[in-house]
């Protein structure tokens, strides 16, 4: 897997200047082992609830940049299947031959989905399919079309079907690598900004899909999303909630996951 240097704002200064006022992109605040989060319900089912905390209203491309910087700042390892259970949330992924332990992180499609979720282009807290499944669902939602985008106001997904996916935001590349089959678990291969020009964009195995102009229009709430697990009576109580409602969720951390203790409508 190609090595890359982890970078945050520096390679995107020109992009941000072109599309929006400067945005502060600090390392994301880590939630305490227990506490309360308040926000808007963006997804829920019998097992989990995702709330989006208040955040700045940004144009879509700066929101993607902000989300990519937050994922990169987490310094997550590459984990096969990581980030698939709940879009935007790192996870232990799947046990696979050669995997070492159960570290928390992202794989290629999990990291791309996390960035899309940070700009409202994938629902935070929902499941993430394979790279091919992501392309299929984004096409069905009329968010992408075939071919690369051009310029600082474009976003392109580069996909080698069934093998690897990474993304290009403006003229910068983001992913777990910029091509080639990823290793099962590579401590140097977690998601971040890629700095070698992504030579695999010229590889005939990769197909380009760019976000359509309507997907990049308008402004989105770039507040962080938090997913908590539900269980027992809470799952039944949460079934009466609806997407768009504001709630307060008291939680604790158990086995590296957030578990809801109480959910209160606001």
C-alpha atoms as a PDB file:
ATOM      1  CA  UNK A   1       0.000   0.000   0.000  1.00  0.00           C
ATOM      2  CA  UNK A   2       1.449   3.418  -0.884  1.00  0.00           C
ATOM      3  CA  UNK A   3       2.629   5.422   2.120  1.00  0.00           C
ATOM      4  CA  UNK A   4       1.278   8.908   2.661  1.00  0.00           C
ATOM      5  CA  UNK A   5       1.910  11.784   5.002  1.00  0.00           C
ATOM      6  CA  UNK A   6      -0.973  12.790   7.274  1.00  0.00           C
ATOM      7  CA  UNK A   7      -1.956  16.391   6.550  1.00  0.00           C
ATOM      8  CA  UNK A   8      -4.837  18.619   7.573  1.00  0.00           C
ATOM      9  CA  UNK A   9      -5.482  22.154   6.379  1.00  0.00           C
ATOM     10  CA  UNK A  10      -2.293  22.961   4.451  1.00  0.00           C
ATOM     11  CA  UNK A  11      -3.002  21.248   1.085  1.00  0.00           C
ATOM     12  CA  UNK A  12      -6.532  22.644   0.988  1.00  0.00           C
ATOM     13  CA  UNK A  13      -5.923  26.302   1.800  1.00  0.00           C
ATOM     14  CA  UNK A  14      -6.479  27.370  -1.803  1.00  0.00           C
ATOM     15  CA  UNK A  15      -9.611  25.237  -2.070  1.00  0.00           C
ATOM     16  CA  UNK A  16     -11.173  26.709   1.062  1.00  0.00           C
ATOM     17  CA  UNK A  17     -10.301  30.219  -0.056  1.00  0.00           C
ATOM     18  CA  UNK A  18     -12.059  29.555  -3.348  1.00  0.00           C
ATOM     19  CA  UNK A  19     -15.281  28.106  -1.991  1.00  0.00           C
ATOM     20  CA  UNK A  20     -15.899  29.589   1.454  1.00  0.00           C
ATOM     21  CA  UNK A  21     -14.524  31.766   4.251  1.00  0.00           C
ATOM     22  CA  UNK A  22     -11.758  30.132   6.321  1.00  0.00           C
ATOM     23  CA  UNK A  23     -12.992  27.333   8.591  1.00  0.00           C
ATOM     24  CA  UNK A  24     -11.330  26.309  11.868  1.00  0.00           C
ATOM     25  CA  UNK A  25     -10.509  22.615  11.554  1.00  0.00           C
ATOM     26  CA  UNK A  26      -9.168  21.504  14.913  1.00  0.00           C
ATOM     27  CA  UNK A  27      -8.777  17.947  16.174  1.00  0.00           C
ATOM     28  CA  UNK A  28     -12.278  16.670  17.022  1.00  0.00           C
ATOM     29  CA  UNK A  29     -13.249  16.677  20.685  1.00  0.00           C
ATOM     30  CA  UNK A  30     -13.393  13.146  22.066  1.00  0.00           C
ATOM     31  CA  UNK A  31     -16.537  12.323  24.015  1.00  0.00           C
ATOM     32  CA  UNK A  32     -16.130  11.560  27.711  1.00  0.00           C
ATOM     33  CA  UNK A  33     -16.637   7.915  28.825  1.00  0.00           C
ATOM     34  CA  UNK A  34     -20.071   8.958  30.039  1.00  0.00           C
ATOM     35  CA  UNK A  35     -22.221  12.020  29.667  1.00  0.00           C
ATOM     36  CA  UNK A  36     -25.057  13.545  27.642  1.00  0.00           C
ATOM     37  CA  UNK A  37     -25.254  14.606  24.002  1.00  0.00           C
ATOM     38  CA  UNK A  38     -28.011  16.787  22.573  1.00  0.00           C
ATOM     39  CA  UNK A  39     -28.926  17.116  18.947  1.00  0.00           C
ATOM     40  CA  UNK A  40     -31.252  16.191  16.095  1.00  0.00           C
ATOM     41  CA  UNK A  41     -32.158  12.613  15.236  1.00  0.00           C
ATOM     42  CA  UNK A  42     -30.759  11.793  11.779  1.00  0.00           C
ATOM     43  CA  UNK A  43     -31.248   8.010  11.802  1.00  0.00           C
ATOM     44  CA  UNK A  44     -32.638   5.332  14.108  1.00  0.00           C
ATOM     45  CA  UNK A  45     -33.715   1.713  14.198  1.00  0.00           C
ATOM     46  CA  UNK A  46     -34.352  -0.925  16.845  1.00  0.00           C
ATOM     47  CA  UNK A  47     -30.655  -1.201  17.732  1.00  0.00           C
ATOM     48  CA  UNK A  48     -29.174   2.286  17.459  1.00  0.00           C
ATOM     49  CA  UNK A  49     -29.842   6.008  17.374  1.00  0.00           C
ATOM     50  CA  UNK A  50     -27.759   8.728  15.696  1.00  0.00           C
ATOM     51  CA  UNK A  51     -28.023  12.377  16.684  1.00  0.00           C
ATOM     52  CA  UNK A  52     -26.290  15.307  15.022  1.00  0.00           C
ATOM     53  CA  UNK A  53     -25.009  17.933  17.393  1.00  0.00           C
ATOM     54  CA  UNK A  54     -25.309  21.605  16.437  1.00  0.00           C
ATOM     55  CA  UNK A  55     -22.561  22.851  14.150  1.00  0.00           C
ATOM     56  CA  UNK A  56     -21.787  25.494  11.541  1.00  0.00           C
ATOM     57  CA  UNK A  57     -23.764  25.770   8.325  1.00  0.00           C
ATOM     58  CA  UNK A  58     -21.274  25.220   5.518  1.00  0.00           C
ATOM     59  CA  UNK A  59     -21.304  24.854   1.757  1.00  0.00           C
ATOM     60  CA  UNK A  60     -20.966  21.191   0.795  1.00  0.00           C
ATOM     61  CA  UNK A  61     -17.304  21.160  -0.264  1.00  0.00           C
ATOM     62  CA  UNK A  62     -16.034  22.916   2.901  1.00  0.00           C
ATOM     63  CA  UNK A  63     -18.213  20.486   4.907  1.00  0.00           C
ATOM     64  CA  UNK A  64     -16.499  17.569   3.126  1.00  0.00           C
ATOM     65  CA  UNK A  65     -13.100  19.113   3.899  1.00  0.00           C
ATOM     66  CA  UNK A  66     -14.054  19.558   7.548  1.00  0.00           C
ATOM     67  CA  UNK A  67     -15.242  15.940   7.792  1.00  0.00           C
ATOM     68  CA  UNK A  68     -12.100  14.608   6.073  1.00  0.00           C
ATOM     69  CA  UNK A  69      -9.892  16.621   8.425  1.00  0.00           C
ATOM     70  CA  UNK A  70     -11.783  15.263  11.442  1.00  0.00           C
ATOM     71  CA  UNK A  71     -11.322  11.661  10.264  1.00  0.00           C
ATOM     72  CA  UNK A  72      -7.639  12.259   9.484  1.00  0.00           C
ATOM     73  CA  UNK A  73      -7.086  13.892  12.885  1.00  0.00           C
ATOM     74  CA  UNK A  74      -8.337  10.721  14.572  1.00  0.00           C
ATOM     75  CA  UNK A  75      -5.174   8.963  13.341  1.00  0.00           C
ATOM     76  CA  UNK A  76      -7.132   5.720  12.872  1.00  0.00           C
ATOM     77  CA  UNK A  77      -5.492   2.544  11.579  1.00  0.00           C
ATOM     78  CA  UNK A  78      -6.684   0.650   8.546  1.00  0.00           C
ATOM     79  CA  UNK A  79      -9.172  -1.979   9.742  1.00  0.00           C
ATOM     80  CA  UNK A  80     -10.865  -4.372   7.347  1.00  0.00           C
ATOM     81  CA  UNK A  81     -14.596  -3.594   7.536  1.00  0.00           C
ATOM     82  CA  UNK A  82     -14.026  -0.630   9.861  1.00  0.00           C
ATOM     83  CA  UNK A  83     -16.596   2.152   9.670  1.00  0.00           C
ATOM     84  CA  UNK A  84     -19.288   0.014   8.050  1.00  0.00           C
ATOM     85  CA  UNK A  85     -21.691  -0.536  10.938  1.00  0.00           C
ATOM     86  CA  UNK A  86     -22.567   3.146  11.358  1.00  0.00           C
ATOM     87  CA  UNK A  87     -21.441   5.637   8.711  1.00  0.00           C
ATOM     88  CA  UNK A  88     -19.039   8.158  10.231  1.00  0.00           C
ATOM     89  CA  UNK A  89     -18.179   5.997  13.247  1.00  0.00           C
ATOM     90  CA  UNK A  90     -14.929   3.977  13.389  1.00  0.00           C
ATOM     91  CA  UNK A  91     -15.347   0.355  14.369  1.00  0.00           C
ATOM     92  CA  UNK A  92     -13.463  -2.894  14.902  1.00  0.00           C
ATOM     93  CA  UNK A  93     -14.644  -4.206  11.551  1.00  0.00           C
ATOM     94  CA  UNK A  94     -14.468  -7.878  10.680  1.00  0.00           C
ATOM     95  CA  UNK A  95     -12.050 -10.579  11.634  1.00  0.00           C
ATOM     96  CA  UNK A  96     -10.136 -11.654   8.535  1.00  0.00           C
ATOM     97  CA  UNK A  97      -7.132 -13.894   7.860  1.00  0.00           C
ATOM     98  CA  UNK A  98      -4.012 -12.096   8.997  1.00  0.00           C
ATOM     99  CA  UNK A  99      -5.817  -9.449  11.068  1.00  0.00           C
ATOM    100  CA  UNK A 100      -4.014  -8.453  14.256  1.00  0.00           C
ATOM    101  CA  UNK A 101      -6.421  -7.825  17.102  1.00  0.00           C
ATOM    102  CA  UNK A 102      -9.637  -5.815  17.086  1.00  0.00           C
ATOM    103  CA  UNK A 103      -8.463  -2.225  16.694  1.00  0.00           C
ATOM    104  CA  UNK A 104     -10.902   0.581  15.975  1.00  0.00           C
ATOM    105  CA  UNK A 105     -10.563   2.221  12.568  1.00  0.00           C
ATOM    106  CA  UNK A 106     -11.763   2.513   8.980  1.00  0.00           C
ATOM    107  CA  UNK A 107     -11.305   0.695   5.700  1.00  0.00           C
ATOM    108  CA  UNK A 108     -11.455   2.385   2.295  1.00  0.00           C
ATOM    109  CA  UNK A 109     -15.219   2.543   1.804  1.00  0.00           C
ATOM    110  CA  UNK A 110     -15.818   3.200   5.503  1.00  0.00           C
ATOM    111  CA  UNK A 111     -13.561   6.260   5.372  1.00  0.00           C
ATOM    112  CA  UNK A 112     -15.147   7.628   2.180  1.00  0.00           C
ATOM    113  CA  UNK A 113     -18.629   7.161   3.662  1.00  0.00           C
ATOM    114  CA  UNK A 114     -17.538   8.992   6.827  1.00  0.00           C
ATOM    115  CA  UNK A 115     -16.548  12.029   4.776  1.00  0.00           C
ATOM    116  CA  UNK A 116     -19.755  11.943   2.722  1.00  0.00           C
ATOM    117  CA  UNK A 117     -21.796  11.631   5.930  1.00  0.00           C
ATOM    118  CA  UNK A 118     -20.136  14.771   7.274  1.00  0.00           C
ATOM    119  CA  UNK A 119     -21.675  16.761   4.428  1.00  0.00           C
ATOM    120  CA  UNK A 120     -25.130  15.188   4.351  1.00  0.00           C
ATOM    121  CA  UNK A 121     -24.398  12.999   1.314  1.00  0.00           C
ATOM    122  CA  UNK A 122     -24.682   9.755   3.289  1.00  0.00           C
ATOM    123  CA  UNK A 123     -26.938   9.402   6.328  1.00  0.00           C
ATOM    124  CA  UNK A 124     -24.784   9.297   9.488  1.00  0.00           C
ATOM    125  CA  UNK A 125     -25.282   6.166  11.557  1.00  0.00           C
ATOM    126  CA  UNK A 126     -26.590   4.025   8.694  1.00  0.00           C
ATOM    127  CA  UNK A 127     -24.837   0.974   7.301  1.00  0.00           C
ATOM    128  CA  UNK A 128     -22.117   1.223   4.664  1.00  0.00           C
ATOM    129  CA  UNK A 129     -21.988  -1.398   1.881  1.00  0.00           C
ATOM    130  CA  UNK A 130     -18.961  -2.331  -0.189  1.00  0.00           C
ATOM    131  CA  UNK A 131     -17.399   0.156  -2.594  1.00  0.00           C
ATOM    132  CA  UNK A 132     -19.580  -1.188  -5.404  1.00  0.00           C
ATOM    133  CA  UNK A 133     -22.651  -0.924  -3.167  1.00  0.00           C
ATOM    134  CA  UNK A 134     -21.830   2.681  -2.353  1.00  0.00           C
ATOM    135  CA  UNK A 135     -21.516   3.591  -6.023  1.00  0.00           C
ATOM    136  CA  UNK A 136     -24.796   1.840  -6.771  1.00  0.00           C
ATOM    137  CA  UNK A 137     -26.709   3.634  -4.001  1.00  0.00           C
ATOM    138  CA  UNK A 138     -25.241   7.037  -4.860  1.00  0.00           C
ATOM    139  CA  UNK A 139     -26.209   6.518  -8.508  1.00  0.00           C
ATOM    140  CA  UNK A 140     -29.727   5.496  -7.537  1.00  0.00           C
ATOM    141  CA  UNK A 141     -29.993   8.683  -5.457  1.00  0.00           C
ATOM    142  CA  UNK A 142     -28.848  10.685  -8.540  1.00  0.00           C
ATOM    143  CA  UNK A 143     -25.892  12.099  -6.591  1.00  0.00           C
ATOM    144  CA  UNK A 144     -23.111  10.913  -8.922  1.00  0.00           C
ATOM    145  CA  UNK A 145     -22.573  10.380 -12.639  1.00  0.00           C
ATOM    146  CA  UNK A 146     -19.795   8.730 -14.600  1.00  0.00           C
ATOM    147  CA  UNK A 147     -16.550  10.606 -15.221  1.00  0.00           C
ATOM    148  CA  UNK A 148     -14.105  12.768 -13.241  1.00  0.00           C
ATOM    149  CA  UNK A 149     -14.960  16.229 -12.010  1.00  0.00           C
ATOM    150  CA  UNK A 150     -12.781  19.206 -12.827  1.00  0.00           C
ATOM    151  CA  UNK A 151     -11.512  22.099 -10.747  1.00  0.00           C
ATOM    152  CA  UNK A 152     -11.724  23.204  -7.122  1.00  0.00           C
ATOM    153  CA  UNK A 153     -15.519  22.952  -7.062  1.00  0.00           C
ATOM    154  CA  UNK A 154     -15.718  19.235  -7.909  1.00  0.00           C
ATOM    155  CA  UNK A 155     -15.702  15.954  -5.988  1.00  0.00           C
ATOM    156  CA  UNK A 156     -14.801  12.621  -7.596  1.00  0.00           C
ATOM    157  CA  UNK A 157     -14.919   9.060  -6.288  1.00  0.00           C
ATOM    158  CA  UNK A 158     -12.294   6.740  -7.820  1.00  0.00           C
ATOM    159  CA  UNK A 159     -13.395   3.109  -7.640  1.00  0.00           C
ATOM    160  CA  UNK A 160     -11.759  -0.174  -8.614  1.00  0.00           C
ATOM    161  CA  UNK A 161     -14.870  -2.293  -8.224  1.00  0.00           C
ATOM    162  CA  UNK A 162     -14.573  -4.816  -5.411  1.00  0.00           C
ATOM    163  CA  UNK A 163     -10.984  -3.769  -4.661  1.00  0.00           C
ATOM    164  CA  UNK A 164     -10.596  -0.174  -3.509  1.00  0.00           C
ATOM    165  CA  UNK A 165     -12.155   3.289  -3.430  1.00  0.00           C
ATOM    166  CA  UNK A 166     -10.789   6.755  -2.596  1.00  0.00           C
ATOM    167  CA  UNK A 167     -11.949  10.299  -3.253  1.00  0.00           C
ATOM    168  CA  UNK A 168     -10.798  13.588  -4.719  1.00  0.00           C
ATOM    169  CA  UNK A 169     -12.076  16.825  -3.189  1.00  0.00           C
ATOM    170  CA  UNK A 170     -11.197  19.712  -5.446  1.00  0.00           C
ATOM    171  CA  UNK A 171      -7.612  18.861  -6.352  1.00  0.00           C
ATOM    172  CA  UNK A 172      -6.704  16.961  -3.148  1.00  0.00           C
ATOM    173  CA  UNK A 173      -7.033  13.209  -2.570  1.00  0.00           C
ATOM    174  CA  UNK A 174      -8.331  11.451   0.550  1.00  0.00           C
ATOM    175  CA  UNK A 175      -8.600   7.809   1.560  1.00  0.00           C
ATOM    176  CA  UNK A 176      -6.807   4.875   3.131  1.00  0.00           C
ATOM    177  CA  UNK A 177      -4.524   4.847   0.067  1.00  0.00           C
ATOM    178  CA  UNK A 178      -4.743   5.988  -3.529  1.00  0.00           C
ATOM    179  CA  UNK A 179      -4.861   2.615  -5.202  1.00  0.00           C
ATOM    180  CA  UNK A 180      -4.142  -1.068  -5.009  1.00  0.00           C
ATOM    181  CA  UNK A 181      -5.767  -3.699  -2.802  1.00  0.00           C
ATOM    182  CA  UNK A 182      -5.491  -2.627   0.849  1.00  0.00           C
ATOM    183  CA  UNK A 183      -3.887  -4.894   3.405  1.00  0.00           C
ATOM    184  CA  UNK A 184      -6.073  -6.549   6.020  1.00  0.00           C
ATOM    185  CA  UNK A 185      -4.854  -4.213   8.743  1.00  0.00           C
ATOM    186  CA  UNK A 186      -2.083  -1.693   8.174  1.00  0.00           C
ATOM    187  CA  UNK A 187      -1.091   0.712  10.967  1.00  0.00           C
ATOM    188  CA  UNK A 188       0.253   3.141   8.361  1.00  0.00           C
ATOM    189  CA  UNK A 189      -2.736   2.836   6.049  1.00  0.00           C
ATOM    190  CA  UNK A 190      -5.583   4.513   7.899  1.00  0.00           C
ATOM    191  CA  UNK A 191      -7.563   7.367   6.317  1.00  0.00           C
ATOM    192  CA  UNK A 192      -5.852  10.672   5.602  1.00  0.00           C
ATOM    193  CA  UNK A 193      -4.876  13.148   2.897  1.00  0.00           C
ATOM    194  CA  UNK A 194      -2.741  11.583   0.164  1.00  0.00           C
ATOM    195  CA  UNK A 195       0.245  13.492  -1.117  1.00  0.00           C
ATOM    196  CA  UNK A 196       1.673  11.609  -4.097  1.00  0.00           C
ATOM    197  CA  UNK A 197      -0.732  12.840  -6.776  1.00  0.00           C
ATOM    198  CA  UNK A 198      -2.789   9.627  -6.847  1.00  0.00           C
ATOM    199  CA  UNK A 199      -1.187   7.920  -9.854  1.00  0.00           C
ATOM    200  CA  UNK A 200      -3.921   5.289  -9.858  1.00  0.00           C
ATOM    201  CA  UNK A 201      -6.347   7.826 -11.290  1.00  0.00           C
ATOM    202  CA  UNK A 202      -4.667   6.812 -14.578  1.00  0.00           C
ATOM    203  CA  UNK A 203      -5.088   3.101 -13.865  1.00  0.00           C
ATOM    204  CA  UNK A 204      -7.548   1.555 -16.326  1.00  0.00           C
ATOM    205  CA  UNK A 205      -9.137  -0.488 -13.519  1.00  0.00           C
ATOM    206  CA  UNK A 206     -10.406   2.640 -11.770  1.00  0.00           C
ATOM    207  CA  UNK A 207     -13.648   4.312 -12.800  1.00  0.00           C
ATOM    208  CA  UNK A 208     -14.370   7.908 -11.906  1.00  0.00           C
ATOM    209  CA  UNK A 209     -17.751   9.097 -10.609  1.00  0.00           C
ATOM    210  CA  UNK A 210     -18.284  12.771  -9.816  1.00  0.00           C
ATOM    211  CA  UNK A 211     -20.911  14.437  -7.654  1.00  0.00           C
ATOM    212  CA  UNK A 212     -23.508  16.272  -9.712  1.00  0.00           C
ATOM    213  CA  UNK A 213     -23.843  20.066  -9.297  1.00  0.00           C
ATOM    214  CA  UNK A 214     -27.130  19.737  -7.404  1.00  0.00           C
ATOM    215  CA  UNK A 215     -25.405  17.552  -4.774  1.00  0.00           C
ATOM    216  CA  UNK A 216     -22.853  20.310  -4.185  1.00  0.00           C
ATOM    217  CA  UNK A 217     -25.377  23.148  -3.998  1.00  0.00           C
ATOM    218  CA  UNK A 218     -26.696  24.797  -0.863  1.00  0.00           C
ATOM    219  CA  UNK A 219     -25.439  24.577   2.709  1.00  0.00           C
ATOM    220  CA  UNK A 220     -25.475  21.741   5.247  1.00  0.00           C
ATOM    221  CA  UNK A 221     -25.251  21.412   9.026  1.00  0.00           C
ATOM    222  CA  UNK A 222     -21.673  20.274   9.652  1.00  0.00           C
ATOM    223  CA  UNK A 223     -22.196  19.405  13.320  1.00  0.00           C
ATOM    224  CA  UNK A 224     -20.689  16.054  14.417  1.00  0.00           C
ATOM    225  CA  UNK A 225     -22.947  12.999  14.507  1.00  0.00           C
ATOM    226  CA  UNK A 226     -22.941  10.626  17.492  1.00  0.00           C
ATOM    227  CA  UNK A 227     -24.289   7.064  17.306  1.00  0.00           C
ATOM    228  CA  UNK A 228     -25.401   5.235  20.465  1.00  0.00           C
ATOM    229  CA  UNK A 229     -26.581   1.668  20.891  1.00  0.00           C
ATOM    230  CA  UNK A 230     -30.080   1.009  22.187  1.00  0.00           C
ATOM    231  CA  UNK A 231     -31.247  -1.973  24.167  1.00  0.00           C
ATOM    232  CA  UNK A 232     -34.155  -3.342  26.183  1.00  0.00           C
ATOM    233  CA  UNK A 233     -36.856  -0.805  27.125  1.00  0.00           C
ATOM    234  CA  UNK A 234     -34.924   2.019  25.470  1.00  0.00           C
ATOM    235  CA  UNK A 235     -35.284   0.426  22.047  1.00  0.00           C
ATOM    236  CA  UNK A 236     -39.068   0.353  22.490  1.00  0.00           C
ATOM    237  CA  UNK A 237     -39.155   3.927  23.804  1.00  0.00           C
ATOM    238  CA  UNK A 238     -37.013   5.184  20.918  1.00  0.00           C
ATOM    239  CA  UNK A 239     -39.380   3.606  18.391  1.00  0.00           C
ATOM    240  CA  UNK A 240     -41.704   6.546  19.019  1.00  0.00           C
ATOM    241  CA  UNK A 241     -39.097   9.040  17.861  1.00  0.00           C
ATOM    242  CA  UNK A 242     -38.795  10.363  14.325  1.00  0.00           C
ATOM    243  CA  UNK A 243     -35.977  11.708  12.201  1.00  0.00           C
ATOM    244  CA  UNK A 244     -35.748  15.465  12.710  1.00  0.00           C
ATOM    245  CA  UNK A 245     -36.720  15.472  16.402  1.00  0.00           C
ATOM    246  CA  UNK A 246     -34.379  16.994  18.973  1.00  0.00           C
ATOM    247  CA  UNK A 247     -33.324  14.727  21.826  1.00  0.00           C
ATOM    248  CA  UNK A 248     -30.932  14.489  24.715  1.00  0.00           C
ATOM    249  CA  UNK A 249     -29.136  11.160  25.115  1.00  0.00           C
ATOM    250  CA  UNK A 250     -27.422  10.118  28.330  1.00  0.00           C
ATOM    251  CA  UNK A 251     -24.777   7.494  27.545  1.00  0.00           C
ATOM    252  CA  UNK A 252     -21.850   5.483  28.851  1.00  0.00           C
ATOM    253  CA  UNK A 253     -18.998   3.718  27.076  1.00  0.00           C
ATOM    254  CA  UNK A 254     -18.971  -0.072  27.123  1.00  0.00           C
ATOM    255  CA  UNK A 255     -16.629  -2.269  25.085  1.00  0.00           C
ATOM    256  CA  UNK A 256     -15.463   0.806  23.115  1.00  0.00           C
ATOM    257  CA  UNK A 257     -19.032   1.639  22.034  1.00  0.00           C
ATOM    258  CA  UNK A 258     -21.477   4.298  23.260  1.00  0.00           C
ATOM    259  CA  UNK A 259     -24.542   2.793  24.939  1.00  0.00           C
ATOM    260  CA  UNK A 260     -27.648   4.869  25.667  1.00  0.00           C
ATOM    261  CA  UNK A 261     -28.887   5.008  29.255  1.00  0.00           C
ATOM    262  CA  UNK A 262     -31.775   7.430  28.636  1.00  0.00           C
ATOM    263  CA  UNK A 263     -33.285   9.244  25.664  1.00  0.00           C
ATOM    264  CA  UNK A 264     -35.302  12.391  26.338  1.00  0.00           C
ATOM    265  CA  UNK A 265     -37.185  14.478  23.740  1.00  0.00           C
ATOM    266  CA  UNK A 266     -36.300  18.188  23.950  1.00  0.00           C
END
